[in-house]
């Protein structure tokens, strides 16, 4: 605590007590830990050939190229070693294992599986 004096008109001194207190607490988070998917991945399956994956916290963004060289993108949320995402034509759940990933997807044509490796 510190004390500051101020002089007020008429010669009367006023003492004001000021204190500053800061308490820092670790943020309480119920969010599960999530795997880092960031990087460029070669993909085999579900008509995708490569994805660049960016991640902020557990939010994951996929920017992929199909085997027809058309771009597609999706976002998802990672939960542990798994991430689920939906693009305009695919709904997938993938999991990592070291520098590899594997997943199951569905679209209008049915189900497909994909695998990938981190470049």
PDB file of N, CA and C in Angstrom:
ATOM      1  N   UNK A   1       0.846  -1.153   0.000  1.00  0.00           N
ATOM      2  CA  UNK A   1       0.000   0.000   0.000  1.00  0.00           C
ATOM      3  C   UNK A   1       0.899   1.225   0.000  1.00  0.00           C
ATOM      4  N   UNK A   2       0.485   2.259  -0.696  1.00  0.00           N
ATOM      5  CA  UNK A   2       1.262   3.488  -0.703  1.00  0.00           C
ATOM      6  C   UNK A   2       0.338   4.649  -0.421  1.00  0.00           C
ATOM      7  N   UNK A   3       0.907   5.721   0.081  1.00  0.00           N
ATOM      8  CA  UNK A   3       0.112   6.885   0.464  1.00  0.00           C
ATOM      9  C   UNK A   3       0.557   8.068  -0.372  1.00  0.00           C
ATOM     10  N   UNK A   4      -0.420   8.822  -0.870  1.00  0.00           N
ATOM     11  CA  UNK A   4      -0.133   9.993  -1.681  1.00  0.00           C
ATOM     12  C   UNK A   4      -0.814  11.183  -1.013  1.00  0.00           C
ATOM     13  N   UNK A   5      -0.108  12.303  -0.901  1.00  0.00           N
ATOM     14  CA  UNK A   5      -0.682  13.507  -0.305  1.00  0.00           C
ATOM     15  C   UNK A   5      -0.980  14.502  -1.396  1.00  0.00           C
ATOM     16  N   UNK A   6      -2.108  15.159  -1.265  1.00  0.00           N
ATOM     17  CA  UNK A   6      -2.478  16.211  -2.204  1.00  0.00           C
ATOM     18  C   UNK A   6      -2.802  17.458  -1.391  1.00  0.00           C
ATOM     19  N   UNK A   7      -2.442  18.606  -1.902  1.00  0.00           N
ATOM     20  CA  UNK A   7      -2.776  19.858  -1.232  1.00  0.00           C
ATOM     21  C   UNK A   7      -3.988  20.432  -1.934  1.00  0.00           C
ATOM     22  N   UNK A   8      -4.990  20.718  -1.157  1.00  0.00           N
ATOM     23  CA  UNK A   8      -6.238  21.269  -1.672  1.00  0.00           C
ATOM     24  C   UNK A   8      -6.244  22.763  -1.379  1.00  0.00           C
ATOM     25  N   UNK A   9      -6.931  23.539  -2.203  1.00  0.00           N
ATOM     26  CA  UNK A   9      -7.016  24.994  -2.010  1.00  0.00           C
ATOM     27  C   UNK A   9      -7.355  25.309  -0.567  1.00  0.00           C
ATOM     28  N   UNK A  10      -6.707  26.283   0.008  1.00  0.00           N
ATOM     29  CA  UNK A  10      -6.930  26.682   1.392  1.00  0.00           C
ATOM     30  C   UNK A  10      -5.901  26.069   2.321  1.00  0.00           C
ATOM     31  N   UNK A  11      -4.926  25.327   1.791  1.00  0.00           N
ATOM     32  CA  UNK A  11      -3.839  24.837   2.614  1.00  0.00           C
ATOM     33  C   UNK A  11      -4.160  23.570   3.383  1.00  0.00           C
ATOM     34  N   UNK A  12      -5.255  22.885   3.130  1.00  0.00           N
ATOM     35  CA  UNK A  12      -5.603  21.650   3.835  1.00  0.00           C
ATOM     36  C   UNK A  12      -4.972  20.482   3.093  1.00  0.00           C
ATOM     37  N   UNK A  13      -4.299  19.645   3.817  1.00  0.00           N
ATOM     38  CA  UNK A  13      -3.668  18.478   3.207  1.00  0.00           C
ATOM     39  C   UNK A  13      -4.608  17.287   3.344  1.00  0.00           C
ATOM     40  N   UNK A  14      -4.704  16.541   2.300  1.00  0.00           N
ATOM     41  CA  UNK A  14      -5.551  15.355   2.286  1.00  0.00           C
ATOM     42  C   UNK A  14      -4.679  14.171   1.924  1.00  0.00           C
ATOM     43  N   UNK A  15      -4.750  13.159   2.717  1.00  0.00           N
ATOM     44  CA  UNK A  15      -3.993  11.952   2.419  1.00  0.00           C
ATOM     45  C   UNK A  15      -4.957  10.914   1.854  1.00  0.00           C
ATOM     46  N   UNK A  16      -4.550  10.336   0.785  1.00  0.00           N
ATOM     47  CA  UNK A  16      -5.366   9.323   0.146  1.00  0.00           C
ATOM     48  C   UNK A  16      -4.588   8.015   0.155  1.00  0.00           C
ATOM     49  N   UNK A  17      -5.201   6.987   0.645  1.00  0.00           N
ATOM     50  CA  UNK A  17      -4.546   5.683   0.665  1.00  0.00           C
ATOM     51  C   UNK A  17      -4.970   4.922  -0.581  1.00  0.00           C
ATOM     52  N   UNK A  18      -3.994   4.469  -1.289  1.00  0.00           N
ATOM     53  CA  UNK A  18      -4.260   3.695  -2.488  1.00  0.00           C
ATOM     54  C   UNK A  18      -3.548   2.364  -2.363  1.00  0.00           C
ATOM     55  N   UNK A  19      -4.184   1.371  -2.846  1.00  0.00           N
ATOM     56  CA  UNK A  19      -3.505   0.086  -2.858  1.00  0.00           C
ATOM     57  C   UNK A  19      -3.736  -0.555  -4.208  1.00  0.00           C
ATOM     58  N   UNK A  20      -2.777  -1.290  -4.606  1.00  0.00           N
ATOM     59  CA  UNK A  20      -2.970  -2.036  -5.845  1.00  0.00           C
ATOM     60  C   UNK A  20      -2.665  -3.477  -5.531  1.00  0.00           C
ATOM     61  N   UNK A  21      -3.561  -4.307  -5.947  1.00  0.00           N
ATOM     62  CA  UNK A  21      -3.404  -5.720  -5.692  1.00  0.00           C
ATOM     63  C   UNK A  21      -3.744  -6.462  -6.970  1.00  0.00           C
ATOM     64  N   UNK A  22      -2.847  -7.293  -7.399  1.00  0.00           N
ATOM     65  CA  UNK A  22      -3.141  -8.122  -8.560  1.00  0.00           C
ATOM     66  C   UNK A  22      -2.963  -9.567  -8.177  1.00  0.00           C
ATOM     67  N   UNK A  23      -3.907 -10.346  -8.555  1.00  0.00           N
ATOM     68  CA  UNK A  23      -3.843 -11.774  -8.313  1.00  0.00           C
ATOM     69  C   UNK A  23      -3.866 -12.461  -9.657  1.00  0.00           C
ATOM     70  N   UNK A  24      -2.914 -13.326  -9.893  1.00  0.00           N
ATOM     71  CA  UNK A  24      -2.868 -14.063 -11.147  1.00  0.00           C
ATOM     72  C   UNK A  24      -3.190 -15.505 -10.863  1.00  0.00           C
ATOM     73  N   UNK A  25      -4.208 -15.991 -11.545  1.00  0.00           N
ATOM     74  CA  UNK A  25      -4.578 -17.390 -11.413  1.00  0.00           C
ATOM     75  C   UNK A  25      -4.375 -18.073 -12.745  1.00  0.00           C
ATOM     76  N   UNK A  26      -3.977 -19.279 -12.678  1.00  0.00           N
ATOM     77  CA  UNK A  26      -3.872 -20.052 -13.911  1.00  0.00           C
ATOM     78  C   UNK A  26      -5.269 -20.228 -14.470  1.00  0.00           C
ATOM     79  N   UNK A  27      -5.432 -20.058 -15.786  1.00  0.00           N
ATOM     80  CA  UNK A  27      -6.766 -20.231 -16.348  1.00  0.00           C
ATOM     81  C   UNK A  27      -7.273 -21.654 -16.136  1.00  0.00           C
ATOM     82  N   UNK A  28      -8.524 -21.736 -15.792  1.00  0.00           N
ATOM     83  CA  UNK A  28      -9.134 -23.042 -15.598  1.00  0.00           C
ATOM     84  C   UNK A  28      -9.723 -23.465 -16.925  1.00  0.00           C
ATOM     85  N   UNK A  29      -9.297 -24.587 -17.395  1.00  0.00           N
ATOM     86  CA  UNK A  29      -9.745 -25.026 -18.705  1.00  0.00           C
ATOM     87  C   UNK A  29     -10.200 -26.473 -18.638  1.00  0.00           C
ATOM     88  N   UNK A  30     -11.380 -26.699 -19.164  1.00  0.00           N
ATOM     89  CA  UNK A  30     -11.882 -28.058 -19.262  1.00  0.00           C
ATOM     90  C   UNK A  30     -11.587 -28.644 -20.634  1.00  0.00           C
ATOM     91  N   UNK A  31     -10.927 -27.843 -21.485  1.00  0.00           N
ATOM     92  CA  UNK A  31     -10.651 -28.295 -22.851  1.00  0.00           C
ATOM     93  C   UNK A  31      -9.611 -29.413 -22.826  1.00  0.00           C
ATOM     94  N   UNK A  32      -9.850 -30.471 -23.578  1.00  0.00           N
ATOM     95  CA  UNK A  32      -8.875 -31.566 -23.618  1.00  0.00           C
ATOM     96  C   UNK A  32      -7.648 -31.157 -24.423  1.00  0.00           C
ATOM     97  N   UNK A  33      -6.546 -31.793 -24.147  1.00  0.00           N
ATOM     98  CA  UNK A  33      -5.334 -31.546 -24.925  1.00  0.00           C
ATOM     99  C   UNK A  33      -5.570 -32.045 -26.346  1.00  0.00           C
ATOM    100  N   UNK A  34      -4.915 -31.409 -27.294  1.00  0.00           N
ATOM    101  CA  UNK A  34      -5.105 -31.849 -28.674  1.00  0.00           C
ATOM    102  C   UNK A  34      -3.762 -31.968 -29.383  1.00  0.00           C
ATOM    103  N   UNK A  35      -3.727 -32.894 -30.296  1.00  0.00           N
ATOM    104  CA  UNK A  35      -2.545 -33.173 -31.105  1.00  0.00           C
ATOM    105  C   UNK A  35      -2.303 -32.010 -32.067  1.00  0.00           C
ATOM    106  N   UNK A  36      -1.049 -31.772 -32.406  1.00  0.00           N
ATOM    107  CA  UNK A  36      -0.719 -30.737 -33.384  1.00  0.00           C
ATOM    108  C   UNK A  36      -0.700 -31.361 -34.779  1.00  0.00           C
ATOM    109  N   UNK A  37      -1.591 -30.896 -35.644  1.00  0.00           N
ATOM    110  CA  UNK A  37      -1.706 -31.405 -37.008  1.00  0.00           C
ATOM    111  C   UNK A  37      -0.993 -30.522 -38.019  1.00  0.00           C
ATOM    112  N   UNK A  38      -0.450 -29.402 -37.607  1.00  0.00           N
ATOM    113  CA  UNK A  38       0.125 -28.417 -38.536  1.00  0.00           C
ATOM    114  C   UNK A  38       1.176 -29.029 -39.446  1.00  0.00           C
ATOM    115  N   UNK A  39       1.113 -28.641 -40.728  1.00  0.00           N
ATOM    116  CA  UNK A  39       2.108 -29.088 -41.682  1.00  0.00           C
ATOM    117  C   UNK A  39       1.482 -29.431 -43.017  1.00  0.00           C
ATOM    118  N   UNK A  40       2.312 -29.917 -43.913  1.00  0.00           N
ATOM    119  CA  UNK A  40       1.855 -30.350 -45.227  1.00  0.00           C
ATOM    120  C   UNK A  40       1.827 -31.873 -45.229  1.00  0.00           C
ATOM    121  N   UNK A  41       0.682 -32.425 -45.644  1.00  0.00           N
ATOM    122  CA  UNK A  41       0.459 -33.862 -45.594  1.00  0.00           C
ATOM    123  C   UNK A  41       0.178 -34.388 -46.993  1.00  0.00           C
ATOM    124  N   UNK A  42       0.868 -35.471 -47.381  1.00  0.00           N
ATOM    125  CA  UNK A  42       0.486 -36.233 -48.572  1.00  0.00           C
ATOM    126  C   UNK A  42      -0.674 -37.114 -48.145  1.00  0.00           C
ATOM    127  N   UNK A  43      -1.737 -37.098 -48.936  1.00  0.00           N
ATOM    128  CA  UNK A  43      -2.936 -37.862 -48.588  1.00  0.00           C
ATOM    129  C   UNK A  43      -3.226 -38.867 -49.696  1.00  0.00           C
ATOM    130  N   UNK A  44      -3.660 -40.042 -49.313  1.00  0.00           N
ATOM    131  CA  UNK A  44      -4.077 -41.064 -50.265  1.00  0.00           C
ATOM    132  C   UNK A  44      -5.478 -41.511 -49.867  1.00  0.00           C
ATOM    133  N   UNK A  45      -6.434 -41.308 -50.755  1.00  0.00           N
ATOM    134  CA  UNK A  45      -7.804 -41.738 -50.506  1.00  0.00           C
ATOM    135  C   UNK A  45      -8.781 -40.582 -50.541  1.00  0.00           C
ATOM    136  N   UNK A  46     -10.030 -40.907 -50.753  1.00  0.00           N
ATOM    137  CA  UNK A  46     -11.130 -39.945 -50.752  1.00  0.00           C
ATOM    138  C   UNK A  46     -10.924 -38.810 -51.758  1.00  0.00           C
ATOM    139  N   UNK A  47     -10.201 -39.108 -52.836  1.00  0.00           N
ATOM    140  CA  UNK A  47      -9.926 -38.161 -53.929  1.00  0.00           C
ATOM    141  C   UNK A  47      -9.097 -36.946 -53.517  1.00  0.00           C
ATOM    142  N   UNK A  48      -8.419 -37.027 -52.380  1.00  0.00           N
ATOM    143  CA  UNK A  48      -7.551 -35.941 -51.924  1.00  0.00           C
ATOM    144  C   UNK A  48      -6.105 -36.379 -52.104  1.00  0.00           C
ATOM    145  N   UNK A  49      -5.255 -35.435 -52.558  1.00  0.00           N
ATOM    146  CA  UNK A  49      -3.846 -35.814 -52.718  1.00  0.00           C
ATOM    147  C   UNK A  49      -2.909 -35.080 -51.766  1.00  0.00           C
ATOM    148  N   UNK A  50      -3.294 -33.902 -51.299  1.00  0.00           N
ATOM    149  CA  UNK A  50      -2.413 -33.180 -50.384  1.00  0.00           C
ATOM    150  C   UNK A  50      -3.230 -32.172 -49.582  1.00  0.00           C
ATOM    151  N   UNK A  51      -2.820 -31.963 -48.331  1.00  0.00           N
ATOM    152  CA  UNK A  51      -3.462 -30.962 -47.472  1.00  0.00           C
ATOM    153  C   UNK A  51      -2.389 -30.177 -46.722  1.00  0.00           C
ATOM    154  N   UNK A  52      -2.613 -28.880 -46.634  1.00  0.00           N
ATOM    155  CA  UNK A  52      -1.829 -28.031 -45.742  1.00  0.00           C
ATOM    156  C   UNK A  52      -2.747 -27.770 -44.555  1.00  0.00           C
ATOM    157  N   UNK A  53      -2.269 -28.138 -43.391  1.00  0.00           N
ATOM    158  CA  UNK A  53      -3.089 -28.022 -42.188  1.00  0.00           C
ATOM    159  C   UNK A  53      -2.486 -26.956 -41.279  1.00  0.00           C
ATOM    160  N   UNK A  54      -3.318 -26.001 -40.906  1.00  0.00           N
ATOM    161  CA  UNK A  54      -2.922 -24.946 -39.965  1.00  0.00           C
ATOM    162  C   UNK A  54      -3.742 -25.146 -38.696  1.00  0.00           C
ATOM    163  N   UNK A  55      -3.160 -24.772 -37.572  1.00  0.00           N
ATOM    164  CA  UNK A  55      -3.837 -25.008 -36.308  1.00  0.00           C
ATOM    165  C   UNK A  55      -3.596 -23.863 -35.351  1.00  0.00           C
ATOM    166  N   UNK A  56      -4.648 -23.452 -34.664  1.00  0.00           N
ATOM    167  CA  UNK A  56      -4.575 -22.469 -33.593  1.00  0.00           C
ATOM    168  C   UNK A  56      -5.304 -23.072 -32.400  1.00  0.00           C
ATOM    169  N   UNK A  57      -4.545 -23.419 -31.383  1.00  0.00           N
ATOM    170  CA  UNK A  57      -5.142 -24.149 -30.274  1.00  0.00           C
ATOM    171  C   UNK A  57      -5.630 -25.494 -30.780  1.00  0.00           C
ATOM    172  N   UNK A  58      -6.894 -25.795 -30.573  1.00  0.00           N
ATOM    173  CA  UNK A  58      -7.461 -27.052 -31.063  1.00  0.00           C
ATOM    174  C   UNK A  58      -8.300 -26.847 -32.321  1.00  0.00           C
ATOM    175  N   UNK A  59      -8.341 -25.614 -32.831  1.00  0.00           N
ATOM    176  CA  UNK A  59      -9.064 -25.339 -34.069  1.00  0.00           C
ATOM    177  C   UNK A  59      -8.151 -25.634 -35.254  1.00  0.00           C
ATOM    178  N   UNK A  60      -8.619 -26.480 -36.166  1.00  0.00           N
ATOM    179  CA  UNK A  60      -7.797 -26.981 -37.261  1.00  0.00           C
ATOM    180  C   UNK A  60      -8.419 -26.556 -38.594  1.00  0.00           C
ATOM    181  N   UNK A  61      -7.585 -26.027 -39.501  1.00  0.00           N
ATOM    182  CA  UNK A  61      -8.038 -25.626 -40.832  1.00  0.00           C
ATOM    183  C   UNK A  61      -7.311 -26.453 -41.876  1.00  0.00           C
ATOM    184  N   UNK A  62      -8.065 -27.054 -42.765  1.00  0.00           N
ATOM    185  CA  UNK A  62      -7.538 -27.901 -43.828  1.00  0.00           C
ATOM    186  C   UNK A  62      -7.662 -27.151 -45.154  1.00  0.00           C
ATOM    187  N   UNK A  63      -6.563 -27.012 -45.872  1.00  0.00           N
ATOM    188  CA  UNK A  63      -6.569 -26.476 -47.239  1.00  0.00           C
ATOM    189  C   UNK A  63      -5.997 -27.573 -48.124  1.00  0.00           C
ATOM    190  N   UNK A  64      -6.874 -28.236 -48.862  1.00  0.00           N
ATOM    191  CA  UNK A  64      -6.482 -29.442 -49.578  1.00  0.00           C
ATOM    192  C   UNK A  64      -6.602 -29.276 -51.087  1.00  0.00           C
ATOM    193  N   UNK A  65      -5.913 -30.170 -51.790  1.00  0.00           N
ATOM    194  CA  UNK A  65      -5.998 -30.261 -53.240  1.00  0.00           C
ATOM    195  C   UNK A  65      -6.472 -31.667 -53.576  1.00  0.00           C
ATOM    196  N   UNK A  66      -7.473 -31.749 -54.458  1.00  0.00           N
ATOM    197  CA  UNK A  66      -7.998 -33.047 -54.858  1.00  0.00           C
ATOM    198  C   UNK A  66      -7.127 -33.633 -55.975  1.00  0.00           C
ATOM    199  N   UNK A  67      -7.406 -34.882 -56.343  1.00  0.00           N
ATOM    200  CA  UNK A  67      -6.640 -35.505 -57.428  1.00  0.00           C
ATOM    201  C   UNK A  67      -6.929 -34.839 -58.772  1.00  0.00           C
ATOM    202  N   UNK A  68      -7.992 -34.027 -58.841  1.00  0.00           N
ATOM    203  CA  UNK A  68      -8.300 -33.259 -60.052  1.00  0.00           C
ATOM    204  C   UNK A  68      -7.716 -31.844 -59.988  1.00  0.00           C
ATOM    205  N   UNK A  69      -6.830 -31.619 -58.997  1.00  0.00           N
ATOM    206  CA  UNK A  69      -6.172 -30.328 -58.769  1.00  0.00           C
ATOM    207  C   UNK A  69      -7.140 -29.201 -58.457  1.00  0.00           C
ATOM    208  N   UNK A  70      -8.258 -29.507 -57.846  1.00  0.00           N
ATOM    209  CA  UNK A  70      -9.173 -28.467 -57.395  1.00  0.00           C
ATOM    210  C   UNK A  70      -9.003 -28.279 -55.893  1.00  0.00           C
ATOM    211  N   UNK A  71      -9.053 -27.027 -55.448  1.00  0.00           N
ATOM    212  CA  UNK A  71      -8.883 -26.772 -54.015  1.00  0.00           C
ATOM    213  C   UNK A  71     -10.178 -27.046 -53.246  1.00  0.00           C
ATOM    214  N   UNK A  72     -10.021 -27.475 -52.023  1.00  0.00           N
ATOM    215  CA  UNK A  72     -11.140 -27.640 -51.102  1.00  0.00           C
ATOM    216  C   UNK A  72     -10.630 -27.307 -49.706  1.00  0.00           C
ATOM    217  N   UNK A  73     -11.515 -26.849 -48.856  1.00  0.00           N
ATOM    218  CA  UNK A  73     -11.076 -26.507 -47.500  1.00  0.00           C
ATOM    219  C   UNK A  73     -12.132 -26.926 -46.494  1.00  0.00           C
ATOM    220  N   UNK A  74     -11.697 -27.043 -45.271  1.00  0.00           N
ATOM    221  CA  UNK A  74     -12.587 -27.448 -44.177  1.00  0.00           C
ATOM    222  C   UNK A  74     -11.987 -26.985 -42.868  1.00  0.00           C
ATOM    223  N   UNK A  75     -12.814 -26.906 -41.853  1.00  0.00           N
ATOM    224  CA  UNK A  75     -12.338 -26.608 -40.506  1.00  0.00           C
ATOM    225  C   UNK A  75     -12.874 -27.673 -39.562  1.00  0.00           C
ATOM    226  N   UNK A  76     -12.160 -27.863 -38.480  1.00  0.00           N
ATOM    227  CA  UNK A  76     -12.579 -28.835 -37.489  1.00  0.00           C
ATOM    228  C   UNK A  76     -11.959 -28.534 -36.141  1.00  0.00           C
ATOM    229  N   UNK A  77     -12.309 -29.330 -35.165  1.00  0.00           N
ATOM    230  CA  UNK A  77     -11.776 -29.180 -33.822  1.00  0.00           C
ATOM    231  C   UNK A  77     -11.120 -30.485 -33.408  1.00  0.00           C
ATOM    232  N   UNK A  78      -9.858 -30.380 -33.003  1.00  0.00           N
ATOM    233  CA  UNK A  78      -9.118 -31.560 -32.560  1.00  0.00           C
ATOM    234  C   UNK A  78      -9.498 -31.886 -31.115  1.00  0.00           C
ATOM    235  N   UNK A  79      -9.560 -33.170 -30.827  1.00  0.00           N
ATOM    236  CA  UNK A  79      -9.827 -33.664 -29.488  1.00  0.00           C
ATOM    237  C   UNK A  79      -8.866 -34.821 -29.267  1.00  0.00           C
ATOM    238  N   UNK A  80      -7.797 -34.564 -28.523  1.00  0.00           N
ATOM    239  CA  UNK A  80      -6.761 -35.578 -28.352  1.00  0.00           C
ATOM    240  C   UNK A  80      -6.072 -35.826 -29.681  1.00  0.00           C
ATOM    241  N   UNK A  81      -6.009 -37.077 -30.113  1.00  0.00           N
ATOM    242  CA  UNK A  81      -5.354 -37.432 -31.368  1.00  0.00           C
ATOM    243  C   UNK A  81      -6.327 -37.482 -32.535  1.00  0.00           C
ATOM    244  N   UNK A  82      -7.582 -37.109 -32.315  1.00  0.00           N
ATOM    245  CA  UNK A  82      -8.576 -37.144 -33.387  1.00  0.00           C
ATOM    246  C   UNK A  82      -9.059 -35.744 -33.744  1.00  0.00           C
ATOM    247  N   UNK A  83      -9.429 -35.585 -34.999  1.00  0.00           N
ATOM    248  CA  UNK A  83     -10.058 -34.345 -35.444  1.00  0.00           C
ATOM    249  C   UNK A  83     -11.191 -34.715 -36.394  1.00  0.00           C
ATOM    250  N   UNK A  84     -12.294 -34.038 -36.240  1.00  0.00           N
ATOM    251  CA  UNK A  84     -13.450 -34.257 -37.092  1.00  0.00           C
ATOM    252  C   UNK A  84     -13.683 -32.973 -37.881  1.00  0.00           C
ATOM    253  N   UNK A  85     -13.949 -33.121 -39.188  1.00  0.00           N
ATOM    254  CA  UNK A  85     -14.200 -31.935 -40.001  1.00  0.00           C
ATOM    255  C   UNK A  85     -15.221 -32.234 -41.083  1.00  0.00           C
ATOM    256  N   UNK A  86     -15.837 -31.179 -41.557  1.00  0.00           N
ATOM    257  CA  UNK A  86     -16.790 -31.286 -42.647  1.00  0.00           C
ATOM    258  C   UNK A  86     -16.446 -30.234 -43.681  1.00  0.00           C
ATOM    259  N   UNK A  87     -16.267 -30.677 -44.913  1.00  0.00           N
ATOM    260  CA  UNK A  87     -16.080 -29.753 -46.034  1.00  0.00           C
ATOM    261  C   UNK A  87     -17.379 -29.754 -46.824  1.00  0.00           C
ATOM    262  N   UNK A  88     -17.354 -29.135 -47.984  1.00  0.00           N
ATOM    263  CA  UNK A  88     -18.578 -29.073 -48.781  1.00  0.00           C
ATOM    264  C   UNK A  88     -19.046 -30.455 -49.235  1.00  0.00           C
ATOM    265  N   UNK A  89     -18.126 -31.407 -49.371  1.00  0.00           N
ATOM    266  CA  UNK A  89     -18.530 -32.722 -49.864  1.00  0.00           C
ATOM    267  C   UNK A  89     -18.066 -33.907 -49.018  1.00  0.00           C
ATOM    268  N   UNK A  90     -17.320 -33.678 -47.961  1.00  0.00           N
ATOM    269  CA  UNK A  90     -16.835 -34.782 -47.124  1.00  0.00           C
ATOM    270  C   UNK A  90     -17.083 -34.497 -45.651  1.00  0.00           C
ATOM    271  N   UNK A  91     -17.390 -35.543 -44.917  1.00  0.00           N
ATOM    272  CA  UNK A  91     -17.409 -35.485 -43.452  1.00  0.00           C
ATOM    273  C   UNK A  91     -16.433 -36.561 -42.998  1.00  0.00           C
ATOM    274  N   UNK A  92     -15.374 -36.151 -42.280  1.00  0.00           N
ATOM    275  CA  UNK A  92     -14.299 -37.087 -41.924  1.00  0.00           C
ATOM    276  C   UNK A  92     -13.974 -37.042 -40.440  1.00  0.00           C
ATOM    277  N   UNK A  93     -13.496 -38.158 -39.962  1.00  0.00           N
ATOM    278  CA  UNK A  93     -12.865 -38.256 -38.651  1.00  0.00           C
ATOM    279  C   UNK A  93     -11.511 -38.892 -38.893  1.00  0.00           C
ATOM    280  N   UNK A  94     -10.446 -38.176 -38.518  1.00  0.00           N
ATOM    281  CA  UNK A  94      -9.094 -38.702 -38.721  1.00  0.00           C
ATOM    282  C   UNK A  94      -8.357 -38.715 -37.394  1.00  0.00           C
ATOM    283  N   UNK A  95      -7.331 -39.530 -37.328  1.00  0.00           N
ATOM    284  CA  UNK A  95      -6.489 -39.631 -36.138  1.00  0.00           C
ATOM    285  C   UNK A  95      -5.035 -39.677 -36.559  1.00  0.00           C
ATOM    286  N   UNK A  96      -4.162 -39.162 -35.719  1.00  0.00           N
ATOM    287  CA  UNK A  96      -2.734 -39.196 -36.006  1.00  0.00           C
ATOM    288  C   UNK A  96      -2.082 -40.342 -35.262  1.00  0.00           C
ATOM    289  N   UNK A  97      -0.976 -40.776 -35.830  1.00  0.00           N
ATOM    290  CA  UNK A  97      -0.113 -41.769 -35.198  1.00  0.00           C
ATOM    291  C   UNK A  97       1.297 -41.431 -35.655  1.00  0.00           C
ATOM    292  N   UNK A  98       2.036 -40.714 -34.808  1.00  0.00           N
ATOM    293  CA  UNK A  98       3.372 -40.271 -35.202  1.00  0.00           C
ATOM    294  C   UNK A  98       3.289 -39.288 -36.349  1.00  0.00           C
ATOM    295  N   UNK A  99       3.978 -39.597 -37.456  1.00  0.00           N
ATOM    296  CA  UNK A  99       3.958 -38.718 -38.628  1.00  0.00           C
ATOM    297  C   UNK A  99       2.972 -39.213 -39.675  1.00  0.00           C
ATOM    298  N   UNK A 100       1.987 -39.980 -39.236  1.00  0.00           N
ATOM    299  CA  UNK A 100       0.970 -40.483 -40.147  1.00  0.00           C
ATOM    300  C   UNK A 100      -0.414 -40.166 -39.629  1.00  0.00           C
ATOM    301  N   UNK A 101      -1.372 -40.257 -40.521  1.00  0.00           N
ATOM    302  CA  UNK A 101      -2.758 -40.100 -40.125  1.00  0.00           C
ATOM    303  C   UNK A 101      -3.614 -41.081 -40.908  1.00  0.00           C
ATOM    304  N   UNK A 102      -4.759 -41.385 -40.372  1.00  0.00           N
ATOM    305  CA  UNK A 102      -5.711 -42.279 -41.034  1.00  0.00           C
ATOM    306  C   UNK A 102      -7.101 -41.825 -40.641  1.00  0.00           C
ATOM    307  N   UNK A 103      -8.040 -42.025 -41.560  1.00  0.00           N
ATOM    308  CA  UNK A 103      -9.387 -41.605 -41.240  1.00  0.00           C
ATOM    309  C   UNK A 103     -10.447 -42.242 -42.098  1.00  0.00           C
ATOM    310  N   UNK A 104     -11.664 -42.034 -41.674  1.00  0.00           N
ATOM    311  CA  UNK A 104     -12.841 -42.500 -42.390  1.00  0.00           C
ATOM    312  C   UNK A 104     -13.680 -41.289 -42.756  1.00  0.00           C
ATOM    313  N   UNK A 105     -14.168 -41.285 -43.983  1.00  0.00           N
ATOM    314  CA  UNK A 105     -14.969 -40.176 -44.478  1.00  0.00           C
ATOM    315  C   UNK A 105     -16.242 -40.705 -45.121  1.00  0.00           C
ATOM    316  N   UNK A 106     -17.228 -39.841 -45.215  1.00  0.00           N
ATOM    317  CA  UNK A 106     -18.446 -40.146 -45.950  1.00  0.00           C
ATOM    318  C   UNK A 106     -18.803 -38.950 -46.819  1.00  0.00           C
ATOM    319  N   UNK A 107     -19.439 -39.237 -47.944  1.00  0.00           N
ATOM    320  CA  UNK A 107     -19.972 -38.197 -48.810  1.00  0.00           C
ATOM    321  C   UNK A 107     -21.189 -38.749 -49.531  1.00  0.00           C
ATOM    322  N   UNK A 108     -21.680 -38.027 -50.520  1.00  0.00           N
ATOM    323  CA  UNK A 108     -22.872 -38.475 -51.247  1.00  0.00           C
ATOM    324  C   UNK A 108     -22.683 -39.845 -51.890  1.00  0.00           C
ATOM    325  N   UNK A 109     -21.457 -40.158 -52.283  1.00  0.00           N
ATOM    326  CA  UNK A 109     -21.185 -41.425 -52.964  1.00  0.00           C
ATOM    327  C   UNK A 109     -21.018 -42.590 -51.987  1.00  0.00           C
ATOM    328  N   UNK A 110     -20.876 -42.300 -50.711  1.00  0.00           N
ATOM    329  CA  UNK A 110     -20.690 -43.367 -49.736  1.00  0.00           C
ATOM    330  C   UNK A 110     -19.522 -43.099 -48.815  1.00  0.00           C
ATOM    331  N   UNK A 111     -18.866 -44.170 -48.401  1.00  0.00           N
ATOM    332  CA  UNK A 111     -17.765 -44.079 -47.451  1.00  0.00           C
ATOM    333  C   UNK A 111     -16.441 -44.286 -48.153  1.00  0.00           C
ATOM    334  N   UNK A 112     -15.395 -43.663 -47.619  1.00  0.00           N
ATOM    335  CA  UNK A 112     -14.037 -43.875 -48.121  1.00  0.00           C
ATOM    336  C   UNK A 112     -13.079 -43.758 -46.952  1.00  0.00           C
ATOM    337  N   UNK A 113     -11.862 -44.257 -47.159  1.00  0.00           N
ATOM    338  CA  UNK A 113     -10.821 -44.173 -46.159  1.00  0.00           C
ATOM    339  C   UNK A 113      -9.641 -43.412 -46.725  1.00  0.00           C
ATOM    340  N   UNK A 114      -8.946 -42.689 -45.860  1.00  0.00           N
ATOM    341  CA  UNK A 114      -7.748 -41.996 -46.309  1.00  0.00           C
ATOM    342  C   UNK A 114      -6.620 -42.246 -45.330  1.00  0.00           C
ATOM    343  N   UNK A 115      -5.412 -42.133 -45.847  1.00  0.00           N
ATOM    344  CA  UNK A 115      -4.204 -42.195 -45.040  1.00  0.00           C
ATOM    345  C   UNK A 115      -3.332 -41.037 -45.452  1.00  0.00           C
ATOM    346  N   UNK A 116      -2.404 -40.664 -44.609  1.00  0.00           N
ATOM    347  CA  UNK A 116      -1.532 -39.552 -44.951  1.00  0.00           C
ATOM    348  C   UNK A 116      -0.221 -39.634 -44.212  1.00  0.00           C
ATOM    349  N   UNK A 117       0.749 -38.912 -44.760  1.00  0.00           N
ATOM    350  CA  UNK A 117       2.058 -38.829 -44.107  1.00  0.00           C
ATOM    351  C   UNK A 117       2.528 -37.382 -44.144  1.00  0.00           C
ATOM    352  N   UNK A 118       3.112 -36.961 -43.040  1.00  0.00           N
ATOM    353  CA  UNK A 118       3.628 -35.597 -42.895  1.00  0.00           C
ATOM    354  C   UNK A 118       4.884 -35.440 -43.725  1.00  0.00           C
ATOM    355  N   UNK A 119       4.931 -34.398 -44.541  1.00  0.00           N
ATOM    356  CA  UNK A 119       6.131 -34.141 -45.365  1.00  0.00           C
ATOM    357  C   UNK A 119       7.201 -33.485 -44.529  1.00  0.00           C
TER     358      UNK A 119
END
